[in-house]
C-alpha atoms as a PDB file:
ATOM      1  CA  MET A   1       0.000   0.000   0.000  1.00  0.00           C
ATOM      2  CA  PRO A   2       1.268   3.512  -0.752  1.00  0.00           C
ATOM      3  CA  ASN A   3       2.097   5.937   2.037  1.00  0.00           C
ATOM      4  CA  HIS A   4      -0.653   7.861   3.768  1.00  0.00           C
ATOM      5  CA  LEU A   5      -0.310  11.621   3.315  1.00  0.00           C
ATOM      6  CA  VAL A   6      -0.968  14.356   5.883  1.00  0.00           C
ATOM      7  CA  GLN A   7      -0.549  17.925   4.610  1.00  0.00           C
ATOM      8  CA  ILE A   8      -0.762  20.723   7.189  1.00  0.00           C
ATOM      9  CA  ILE A   9      -1.025  24.380   6.169  1.00  0.00           C
ATOM     10  CA  MET A  10      -0.416  26.873   8.981  1.00  0.00           C
ATOM     11  CA  ASP A  11      -2.296  29.814   7.543  1.00  0.00           C
ATOM     12  CA  SER A  12      -0.303  33.091   7.404  1.00  0.00           C
ATOM     13  CA  CYS A  13       2.702  31.634   9.229  1.00  0.00           C
ATOM     14  CA  ARG A  14       5.887  33.378   8.161  1.00  0.00           C
ATOM     15  CA  PHE A  15       9.216  31.591   8.370  1.00  0.00           C
ATOM     16  CA  ASP A  16      10.762  33.505  11.250  1.00  0.00           C
ATOM     17  CA  SER A  17       7.705  32.825  13.431  1.00  0.00           C
ATOM     18  CA  TYR A  18       8.246  29.103  12.883  1.00  0.00           C
ATOM     19  CA  GLU A  19      11.993  29.516  13.375  1.00  0.00           C
ATOM     20  CA  ALA A  20      11.553  31.296  16.725  1.00  0.00           C
ATOM     21  CA  ALA A  21       9.064  28.749  18.063  1.00  0.00           C
ATOM     22  CA  ALA A  22       9.856  25.620  20.059  1.00  0.00           C
ATOM     23  CA  THR A  23       8.711  22.818  17.721  1.00  0.00           C
ATOM     24  CA  PRO A  24       9.933  19.433  19.010  1.00  0.00           C
ATOM     25  CA  ASN A  25       7.329  17.460  17.060  1.00  0.00           C
ATOM     26  CA  MET A  26       7.927  19.230  13.764  1.00  0.00           C
ATOM     27  CA  ASP A  27      11.663  18.745  14.316  1.00  0.00           C
ATOM     28  CA  LYS A  28      11.112  14.984  14.519  1.00  0.00           C
ATOM     29  CA  ILE A  29       9.442  14.979  11.090  1.00  0.00           C
ATOM     30  CA  GLY A  30      12.136  16.894   9.241  1.00  0.00           C
ATOM     31  CA  LYS A  31      14.419  19.893   9.154  1.00  0.00           C
ATOM     32  CA  GLY A  32      12.509  23.073   8.405  1.00  0.00           C
ATOM     33  CA  GLU A  33      13.669  25.442   5.713  1.00  0.00           C
ATOM     34  CA  ALA A  34      12.600  28.776   4.297  1.00  0.00           C
ATOM     35  CA  ARG A  35      10.627  28.470   1.081  1.00  0.00           C
ATOM     36  CA  TYR A  36       8.346  30.782  -0.878  1.00  0.00           C
ATOM     37  CA  SER A  37       4.609  30.701  -1.456  1.00  0.00           C
ATOM     38  CA  TYR A  38       3.087  30.981  -4.928  1.00  0.00           C
ATOM     39  CA  ALA A  39       0.705  33.701  -3.753  1.00  0.00           C
ATOM     40  CA  SER A  40       0.314  36.325  -1.040  1.00  0.00           C
ATOM     41  CA  TRP A  41      -3.069  35.207   0.259  1.00  0.00           C
ATOM     42  CA  THR A  42      -5.008  32.077   1.135  1.00  0.00           C
ATOM     43  CA  SER A  43      -7.139  31.030  -1.836  1.00  0.00           C
ATOM     44  CA  PRO A  44      -4.665  31.155  -4.750  1.00  0.00           C
ATOM     45  CA  SER A  45      -1.911  29.654  -2.632  1.00  0.00           C
ATOM     46  CA  HIS A  46      -4.130  26.702  -1.688  1.00  0.00           C
ATOM     47  CA  TYR A  47      -5.142  26.203  -5.313  1.00  0.00           C
ATOM     48  CA  ALA A  48      -1.444  25.887  -6.191  1.00  0.00           C
ATOM     49  CA  MET A  49      -0.800  23.394  -3.399  1.00  0.00           C
ATOM     50  CA  LEU A  50      -3.806  21.301  -4.394  1.00  0.00           C
ATOM     51  CA  MET A  51      -2.306  21.130  -7.876  1.00  0.00           C
ATOM     52  CA  GLY A  52       0.580  19.275  -6.236  1.00  0.00           C
ATOM     53  CA  MET A  53       2.899  22.298  -6.196  1.00  0.00           C
ATOM     54  CA  VAL A  54       4.383  22.691  -2.733  1.00  0.00           C
ATOM     55  CA  PRO A  55       6.053  26.003  -1.761  1.00  0.00           C
ATOM     56  CA  HIS A  56       9.163  26.522  -3.855  1.00  0.00           C
ATOM     57  CA  THR A  57      12.833  27.231  -3.412  1.00  0.00           C
ATOM     58  CA  SER A  58      14.490  29.974  -5.443  1.00  0.00           C
ATOM     59  CA  PRO A  59      17.511  28.409  -7.180  1.00  0.00           C
ATOM     60  CA  ARG A  60      19.722  30.460  -9.468  1.00  0.00           C
ATOM     61  CA  GLY A  61      21.344  29.323 -12.683  1.00  0.00           C
ATOM     62  CA  VAL A  62      18.628  26.824 -13.650  1.00  0.00           C
ATOM     63  CA  PHE A  63      15.619  26.920 -15.942  1.00  0.00           C
ATOM     64  CA  ALA A  64      12.522  27.702 -13.905  1.00  0.00           C
ATOM     65  CA  SER A  65      10.668  24.846 -15.607  1.00  0.00           C
ATOM     66  CA  GLU A  66      13.132  22.404 -14.034  1.00  0.00           C
ATOM     67  CA  VAL A  67      11.981  23.461 -10.558  1.00  0.00           C
ATOM     68  CA  TYR A  68       8.418  22.399 -11.372  1.00  0.00           C
ATOM     69  CA  LYS A  69       9.610  19.107 -12.833  1.00  0.00           C
ATOM     70  CA  GLN A  70      11.726  18.252  -9.795  1.00  0.00           C
ATOM     71  CA  GLU A  71       8.926  19.069  -7.371  1.00  0.00           C
ATOM     72  CA  PHE A  72       6.391  16.878  -9.167  1.00  0.00           C
ATOM     73  CA  THR A  73       8.814  13.936  -9.213  1.00  0.00           C
ATOM     74  CA  ARG A  74       9.112  14.236  -5.411  1.00  0.00           C
ATOM     75  CA  TRP A  75       5.626  12.721  -5.151  1.00  0.00           C
ATOM     76  CA  ILE A  76       7.181   9.386  -6.112  1.00  0.00           C
ATOM     77  CA  ASP A  77       9.074   9.321  -2.804  1.00  0.00           C
ATOM     78  CA  ARG A  78       6.360  10.977  -0.723  1.00  0.00           C
ATOM     79  CA  LEU A  79       3.776   8.390  -1.691  1.00  0.00           C
ATOM     80  CA  ASP A  80       6.186   5.499  -2.348  1.00  0.00           C
ATOM     81  CA  MET A  81       4.662   5.123  -5.817  1.00  0.00           C
ATOM     82  CA  PRO A  82       7.432   4.591  -8.417  1.00  0.00           C
ATOM     83  CA  ASP A  83       5.151   4.889 -11.465  1.00  0.00           C
ATOM     84  CA  LEU A  84       4.107   8.490 -10.833  1.00  0.00           C
ATOM     85  CA  SER A  85       5.137  11.258 -13.206  1.00  0.00           C
ATOM     86  CA  PHE A  86       4.022  14.733 -14.198  1.00  0.00           C
ATOM     87  CA  LYS A  87       1.761  13.074 -16.770  1.00  0.00           C
ATOM     88  CA  THR A  88      -0.109  11.450 -13.872  1.00  0.00           C
ATOM     89  CA  PHE A  89      -1.342  14.920 -12.884  1.00  0.00           C
ATOM     90  CA  VAL A  90      -2.556  15.832 -16.394  1.00  0.00           C
ATOM     91  CA  PRO A  91      -5.135  16.989 -17.382  1.00  0.00           C
ATOM     92  CA  HIS A  92      -6.772  17.818 -14.046  1.00  0.00           C
ATOM     93  CA  LEU A  93      -3.602  19.111 -12.352  1.00  0.00           C
ATOM     94  CA  SER A  94      -5.120  18.044  -9.056  1.00  0.00           C
ATOM     95  CA  LEU A  95      -3.354  16.252  -6.223  1.00  0.00           C
ATOM     96  CA  PRO A  96      -6.599  14.952  -4.655  1.00  0.00           C
ATOM     97  CA  LYS A  97      -7.706  13.655  -8.079  1.00  0.00           C
ATOM     98  CA  VAL A  98      -4.426  11.781  -8.505  1.00  0.00           C
ATOM     99  CA  LEU A  99      -4.791  10.331  -5.030  1.00  0.00           C
ATOM    100  CA  GLN A 100      -8.419   9.340  -5.593  1.00  0.00           C
ATOM    101  CA  ASP A 101      -7.371   7.489  -8.746  1.00  0.00           C
ATOM    102  CA  LEU A 102      -4.758   5.664  -6.667  1.00  0.00           C
ATOM    103  CA  GLY A 103      -7.413   4.483  -4.218  1.00  0.00           C
ATOM    104  CA  TYR A 104      -6.971   7.100  -1.492  1.00  0.00           C
ATOM    105  CA  GLU A 105      -9.765   8.401   0.710  1.00  0.00           C
ATOM    106  CA  THR A 106      -9.357  12.177   0.406  1.00  0.00           C
ATOM    107  CA  ILE A 107     -10.350  14.262   3.438  1.00  0.00           C
ATOM    108  CA  ALA A 108     -10.026  18.023   3.995  1.00  0.00           C
ATOM    109  CA  ARG A 109     -10.646  20.177   7.054  1.00  0.00           C
ATOM    110  CA  VAL A 110     -10.294  23.926   6.525  1.00  0.00           C
ATOM    111  CA  SER A 111     -10.520  26.973   8.802  1.00  0.00           C
ATOM    112  CA  MET A 112     -10.713  29.921   6.406  1.00  0.00           C
ATOM    113  CA  PRO A 113     -14.168  30.887   5.038  1.00  0.00           C
ATOM    114  CA  VAL A 114     -12.604  31.640   1.625  1.00  0.00           C
ATOM    115  CA  LEU A 115     -11.927  27.891   1.366  1.00  0.00           C
ATOM    116  CA  ASN A 116     -15.505  26.855   2.177  1.00  0.00           C
ATOM    117  CA  GLN A 117     -17.131  23.823   0.579  1.00  0.00           C
ATOM    118  CA  LEU A 118     -19.056  25.901  -1.991  1.00  0.00           C
ATOM    119  CA  THR A 119     -15.820  26.972  -3.676  1.00  0.00           C
ATOM    120  CA  GLY A 120     -14.051  24.834  -6.256  1.00  0.00           C
ATOM    121  CA  MET A 121     -11.490  23.926  -3.618  1.00  0.00           C
ATOM    122  CA  ASN A 122     -13.476  20.872  -2.528  1.00  0.00           C
ATOM    123  CA  ARG A 123     -13.304  19.176  -5.929  1.00  0.00           C
ATOM    124  CA  PHE A 124     -12.058  15.566  -5.756  1.00  0.00           C
ATOM    125  CA  PHE A 125     -12.348  15.364  -1.977  1.00  0.00           C
ATOM    126  CA  ASP A 126     -14.496  12.569  -0.578  1.00  0.00           C
ATOM    127  CA  ASP A 127     -15.013  14.488   2.652  1.00  0.00           C
ATOM    128  CA  TYR A 128     -14.547  18.272   2.841  1.00  0.00           C
ATOM    129  CA  LYS A 129     -15.583  20.504   5.738  1.00  0.00           C
ATOM    130  CA  LEU A 130     -15.201  24.100   6.866  1.00  0.00           C
ATOM    131  CA  MET A 131     -14.732  24.003  10.620  1.00  0.00           C
ATOM    132  CA  GLY A 132     -17.227  25.921  12.722  1.00  0.00           C
ATOM    133  CA  ASN A 133     -14.423  27.370  14.812  1.00  0.00           C
ATOM    134  CA  HIS A 134     -11.575  29.432  13.387  1.00  0.00           C
ATOM    135  CA  ASN A 135      -9.063  27.737  15.743  1.00  0.00           C
ATOM    136  CA  ASP A 136      -9.965  24.061  15.864  1.00  0.00           C
ATOM    137  CA  PHE A 137      -6.964  21.947  14.928  1.00  0.00           C
ATOM    138  CA  LYS A 138      -7.731  20.017  18.119  1.00  0.00           C
ATOM    139  CA  SER A 139     -11.051  18.775  16.677  1.00  0.00           C
ATOM    140  CA  MET A 140      -9.374  17.966  13.357  1.00  0.00           C
ATOM    141  CA  VAL A 141      -6.881  15.740  15.167  1.00  0.00           C
ATOM    142  CA  ALA A 142      -9.668  14.074  17.139  1.00  0.00           C
ATOM    143  CA  GLU A 143     -11.446  13.070  13.900  1.00  0.00           C
ATOM    144  CA  VAL A 144      -8.427  11.412  12.288  1.00  0.00           C
ATOM    145  CA  GLU A 145      -8.594   7.678  11.785  1.00  0.00           C
ATOM    146  CA  PHE A 146      -7.071   5.164   9.387  1.00  0.00           C
ATOM    147  CA  GLU A 147      -8.214   1.929   7.745  1.00  0.00           C
ATOM    148  CA  GLU A 148      -5.854  -1.020   7.468  1.00  0.00           C
ATOM    149  CA  ASP A 149      -6.339  -1.534   3.725  1.00  0.00           C
ATOM    150  CA  GLU A 150      -7.004   2.020   2.466  1.00  0.00           C
ATOM    151  CA  PRO A 151      -4.492   4.856   2.048  1.00  0.00           C
ATOM    152  CA  ARG A 152      -5.702   8.251   3.266  1.00  0.00           C
ATOM    153  CA  PHE A 153      -4.950  11.860   2.408  1.00  0.00           C
ATOM    154  CA  TYR A 154      -5.667  14.416   5.129  1.00  0.00           C
ATOM    155  CA  PHE A 155      -5.443  18.068   4.124  1.00  0.00           C
ATOM    156  CA  PHE A 156      -5.589  20.558   7.001  1.00  0.00           C
ATOM    157  CA  ASN A 157      -5.807  24.352   6.793  1.00  0.00           C
ATOM    158  CA  LEU A 158      -5.188  25.767  10.286  1.00  0.00           C
ATOM    159  CA  GLY A 159      -6.514  29.133  11.428  1.00  0.00           C
ATOM    160  CA  GLU A 160      -4.564  29.362  14.674  1.00  0.00           C
ATOM    161  CA  THR A 161      -1.645  31.207  13.040  1.00  0.00           C
ATOM    162  CA  HIS A 162      -3.905  33.504  10.994  1.00  0.00           C
ATOM    163  CA  TYR A 163      -4.936  36.906  12.351  1.00  0.00           C
ATOM    164  CA  PRO A 164      -6.194  37.335  15.061  1.00  0.00           C
ATOM    165  CA  TYR A 165      -3.828  34.552  16.226  1.00  0.00           C
ATOM    166  CA  MET A 166      -6.267  32.811  18.587  1.00  0.00           C
ATOM    167  CA  LEU A 167      -7.336  36.178  19.947  1.00  0.00           C
ATOM    168  CA  SER A 168      -9.545  35.783  23.014  1.00  0.00           C
ATOM    169  CA  GLY A 169     -10.441  39.450  23.212  1.00  0.00           C
ATOM    170  CA  GLU A 170      -8.789  40.444  26.467  1.00  0.00           C
ATOM    171  CA  ASP A 171      -5.316  41.736  25.831  1.00  0.00           C
ATOM    172  CA  LEU A 172      -4.310  41.733  22.158  1.00  0.00           C
ATOM    173  CA  PRO A 173      -4.860  44.544  19.644  1.00  0.00           C
ATOM    174  CA  HIS A 174      -7.399  43.689  16.981  1.00  0.00           C
ATOM    175  CA  ILE A 175      -9.348  44.986  13.999  1.00  0.00           C
ATOM    176  CA  SER A 176     -13.139  44.800  14.106  1.00  0.00           C
ATOM    177  CA  GLY A 177     -14.815  42.415  11.696  1.00  0.00           C
ATOM    178  CA  VAL A 178     -14.417  38.907  10.378  1.00  0.00           C
ATOM    179  CA  HIS A 179     -10.709  38.019  10.547  1.00  0.00           C
ATOM    180  CA  GLY A 180      -9.934  41.727  10.285  1.00  0.00           C
ATOM    181  CA  VAL A 181     -11.280  41.951   6.738  1.00  0.00           C
ATOM    182  CA  PHE A 182     -14.631  43.679   7.193  1.00  0.00           C
ATOM    183  CA  LYS A 183     -15.743  46.510   9.449  1.00  0.00           C
ATOM    184  CA  HIS A 184     -19.435  47.219   8.949  1.00  0.00           C
ATOM    185  CA  MET A 185     -18.620  47.107   5.229  1.00  0.00           C
ATOM    186  CA  ASP A 186     -22.135  46.361   3.961  1.00  0.00           C
ATOM    187  CA  GLU A 187     -23.663  49.212   5.928  1.00  0.00           C
ATOM    188  CA  SER A 188     -20.978  51.666   4.817  1.00  0.00           C
ATOM    189  CA  LEU A 189     -21.294  50.753   1.151  1.00  0.00           C
ATOM    190  CA  LYS A 190     -25.078  51.046   1.252  1.00  0.00           C
ATOM    191  CA  ALA A 191     -24.704  54.530   2.691  1.00  0.00           C
ATOM    192  CA  GLY A 192     -22.187  55.418  -0.011  1.00  0.00           C
ATOM    193  CA  GLU A 193     -19.486  56.089   2.536  1.00  0.00           C
ATOM    194  CA  GLY A 194     -17.042  53.369   1.534  1.00  0.00           C
ATOM    195  CA  PRO A 195     -15.240  51.067   3.986  1.00  0.00           C
ATOM    196  CA  VAL A 196     -14.309  52.524   7.361  1.00  0.00           C
ATOM    197  CA  GLU A 197     -10.569  52.875   7.891  1.00  0.00           C
ATOM    198  CA  ALA A 198      -9.272  51.207  11.044  1.00  0.00           C
ATOM    199  CA  LYS A 199      -6.557  52.808  13.130  1.00  0.00           C
ATOM    200  CA  PHE A 200      -3.165  51.346  12.218  1.00  0.00           C
ATOM    201  CA  PHE A 201      -1.341  49.374  14.904  1.00  0.00           C
ATOM    202  CA  GLU A 202       1.539  50.896  16.847  1.00  0.00           C
ATOM    203  CA  LYS A 203       5.013  49.301  16.725  1.00  0.00           C
ATOM    204  CA  ASP A 204       4.697  47.680  20.145  1.00  0.00           C
ATOM    205  CA  GLU A 205       1.309  46.234  19.152  1.00  0.00           C
ATOM    206  CA  MET A 206       2.870  44.736  16.004  1.00  0.00           C
ATOM    207  CA  GLU A 207       5.606  43.121  18.106  1.00  0.00           C
ATOM    208  CA  GLN A 208       3.009  41.755  20.484  1.00  0.00           C
ATOM    209  CA  LEU A 209       1.071  40.168  17.634  1.00  0.00           C
ATOM    210  CA  HIS A 210       4.220  38.645  16.124  1.00  0.00           C
ATOM    211  CA  LYS A 211       5.070  37.035  19.460  1.00  0.00           C
ATOM    212  CA  GLN A 212       1.531  35.699  19.626  1.00  0.00           C
ATOM    213  CA  GLN A 213       1.902  34.039  16.213  1.00  0.00           C
ATOM    214  CA  ILE A 214       5.038  32.338  17.527  1.00  0.00           C
ATOM    215  CA  ARG A 215       3.041  31.010  20.486  1.00  0.00           C
ATOM    216  CA  CYS A 216       0.386  29.749  18.071  1.00  0.00           C
ATOM    217  CA  VAL A 217       3.019  27.720  16.185  1.00  0.00           C
ATOM    218  CA  GLU A 218       4.005  26.135  19.487  1.00  0.00           C
ATOM    219  CA  TYR A 219       0.363  25.347  20.238  1.00  0.00           C
ATOM    220  CA  ILE A 220       0.022  23.631  16.843  1.00  0.00           C
ATOM    221  CA  ASP A 221       3.205  21.669  17.457  1.00  0.00           C
ATOM    222  CA  GLY A 222       1.752  20.287  20.683  1.00  0.00           C
ATOM    223  CA  LEU A 223      -1.332  18.996  18.862  1.00  0.00           C
ATOM    224  CA  LEU A 224       0.887  17.658  16.081  1.00  0.00           C
ATOM    225  CA  GLY A 225       2.396  15.316  18.657  1.00  0.00           C
ATOM    226  CA  GLU A 226      -1.077  13.865  19.282  1.00  0.00           C
ATOM    227  CA  LEU A 227      -1.660  13.533  15.531  1.00  0.00           C
ATOM    228  CA  ILE A 228       1.632  11.719  14.989  1.00  0.00           C
ATOM    229  CA  GLU A 229       0.623   9.131  17.587  1.00  0.00           C
ATOM    230  CA  LYS A 230      -2.562   8.366  15.627  1.00  0.00           C
ATOM    231  CA  CYS A 231      -0.829   7.877  12.265  1.00  0.00           C
ATOM    232  CA  PRO A 232       0.592   4.614  10.903  1.00  0.00           C
ATOM    233  CA  PRO A 233       4.393   4.383  10.351  1.00  0.00           C
ATOM    234  CA  ASN A 234       3.969   4.774   6.565  1.00  0.00           C
ATOM    235  CA  THR A 235       2.523   8.294   6.858  1.00  0.00           C
ATOM    236  CA  HIS A 236       4.282  11.109   5.033  1.00  0.00           C
ATOM    237  CA  PHE A 237       3.872  14.547   6.602  1.00  0.00           C
ATOM    238  CA  ILE A 238       4.159  17.942   4.934  1.00  0.00           C
ATOM    239  CA  VAL A 239       4.029  20.971   7.234  1.00  0.00           C
ATOM    240  CA  THR A 240       4.110  24.418   5.658  1.00  0.00           C
ATOM    241  CA  ALA A 241       2.190  27.697   5.265  1.00  0.00           C
ATOM    242  CA  ASP A 242       0.238  29.309   2.451  1.00  0.00           C
ATOM    243  CA  HIS A 243       1.845  32.764   2.743  1.00  0.00           C
ATOM    244  CA  GLY A 244       3.599  34.981   5.254  1.00  0.00           C
ATOM    245  CA  GLU A 245       2.585  38.013   7.259  1.00  0.00           C
ATOM    246  CA  LEU A 246       3.813  41.568   7.863  1.00  0.00           C
ATOM    247  CA  PHE A 247       4.160  42.882  11.402  1.00  0.00           C
ATOM    248  CA  GLY A 248       5.063  46.488  10.686  1.00  0.00           C
ATOM    249  CA  GLU A 249       8.055  46.011   8.399  1.00  0.00           C
ATOM    250  CA  ASP A 250       8.286  48.952   5.992  1.00  0.00           C
ATOM    251  CA  GLY A 251       4.874  50.173   7.164  1.00  0.00           C
ATOM    252  CA  TYR A 252       2.907  47.018   6.332  1.00  0.00           C
ATOM    253  CA  PHE A 253       0.616  44.791   8.387  1.00  0.00           C
ATOM    254  CA  GLY A 254      -1.042  41.592   7.234  1.00  0.00           C
ATOM    255  CA  HIS A 255      -0.903  39.978   3.793  1.00  0.00           C
ATOM    256  CA  GLY A 256      -2.643  39.993   0.420  1.00  0.00           C
ATOM    257  CA  PRO A 257      -2.145  43.158  -1.662  1.00  0.00           C
ATOM    258  CA  ILE A 258       1.430  43.471  -0.393  1.00  0.00           C
ATOM    259  CA  MET A 259       4.654  42.916  -2.337  1.00  0.00           C
ATOM    260  CA  HIS A 260       7.199  42.247   0.382  1.00  0.00           C
ATOM    261  CA  PRO A 261       9.528  39.260   1.031  1.00  0.00           C
ATOM    262  CA  LYS A 262       7.948  38.571   4.446  1.00  0.00           C
ATOM    263  CA  CYS A 263       4.607  38.054   2.709  1.00  0.00           C
ATOM    264  CA  PHE A 264       6.055  35.128   0.732  1.00  0.00           C
ATOM    265  CA  GLU A 265       8.740  33.606   2.974  1.00  0.00           C
ATOM    266  CA  ILE A 266       7.307  30.581   4.769  1.00  0.00           C
ATOM    267  CA  PRO A 267       8.414  27.388   6.550  1.00  0.00           C
ATOM    268  CA  PHE A 268       8.506  24.017   4.858  1.00  0.00           C
ATOM    269  CA  LEU A 269       9.366  20.600   6.272  1.00  0.00           C
ATOM    270  CA  GLU A 270       8.436  17.048   5.405  1.00  0.00           C
ATOM    271  CA  GLY A 271       9.198  13.448   6.247  1.00  0.00           C
ATOM    272  CA  LEU A 272       7.825  10.085   7.314  1.00  0.00           C
ATOM    273  CA  ARG A 273       6.149   9.655  10.673  1.00  0.00           C
ATOM    274  CA  PRO A 274       8.898   9.622  13.310  1.00  0.00           C
ATOM    275  CA  ALA A 275       9.329   6.342  15.149  1.00  0.00           C
END
C-alpha cells in the first residue's frame, strides 16, 4: 500500500515565526527550511498546493521549468509510488484527483471561510468541511482515523496562526470584523461612505502580535504530537504555510495586496512519521 499523506497548512505563518518557536514534534518529522509561497493570500496559494505544487525554493542558474519538474517527481518518494510522473497529474492538475485514482480516501478540514465547501477547492475530496471554529486543529486531530487496507490523504488548513492569532479578546490589539477583513462594510457601502478605515497598529502592538503568532506555532506543534501518535508508520507529513505576514516592516501589516519578502517567505518541512 502507498504511504498515507498528511498535509498541514499553517495559515499566514511566516518563516521567522516558525523559526523562533519551540517545535519538538515538527523537528522529529524533518528539518525546516525557508521556502516561498506561490501567492500572497489564502485562496490562490491553496489552489497551487492542491495542484501538487508545494512552496518553492528559489535556485539560481537553472531553468525555472526544471523546478516544477523536480517538485512533481518528489511525489514518487512521498507516496512510495514509483510509477508516478508529471503526466499522472494531467489533465486535471489536481493532487486529490491523482490520489483518488490511486485508491486514497481524500479528506479536507479547513478553517478559512474563503476555502468553504461551496468553492471549487473541494473538488475531488471525498469528505470536505469548513470548521465551525476558526481555531480548531484540536477537533481535526480528534477526527483522524485510518483503515488497514485504504491509504488516506488528510489536508488541514489551520486558522490558529492567521490573524487574530487565537485572539480571546482580552489583551491583544485587533481589527473589528471577520478576521480583520470587514468593518461594517455592507452598511458603509449602502450609505455610499465606503469602507471605514481602522486605526493602524503601533510598533509595540505589532511586536506583540508577532510574538503571539510564535506562540500559536508552538500550540500547533503540541497537537501535532497527538496527531503523529494516531498515524501509521507509513505516513508522510508535509508541514508548511500558504503565505507569510507583515508585522510592521516597511509600514505594512497583514498579507494579500502586499509585495514584500515577508509576505512570501514561509516554513517548509516534510518526512515520514517519526518512530
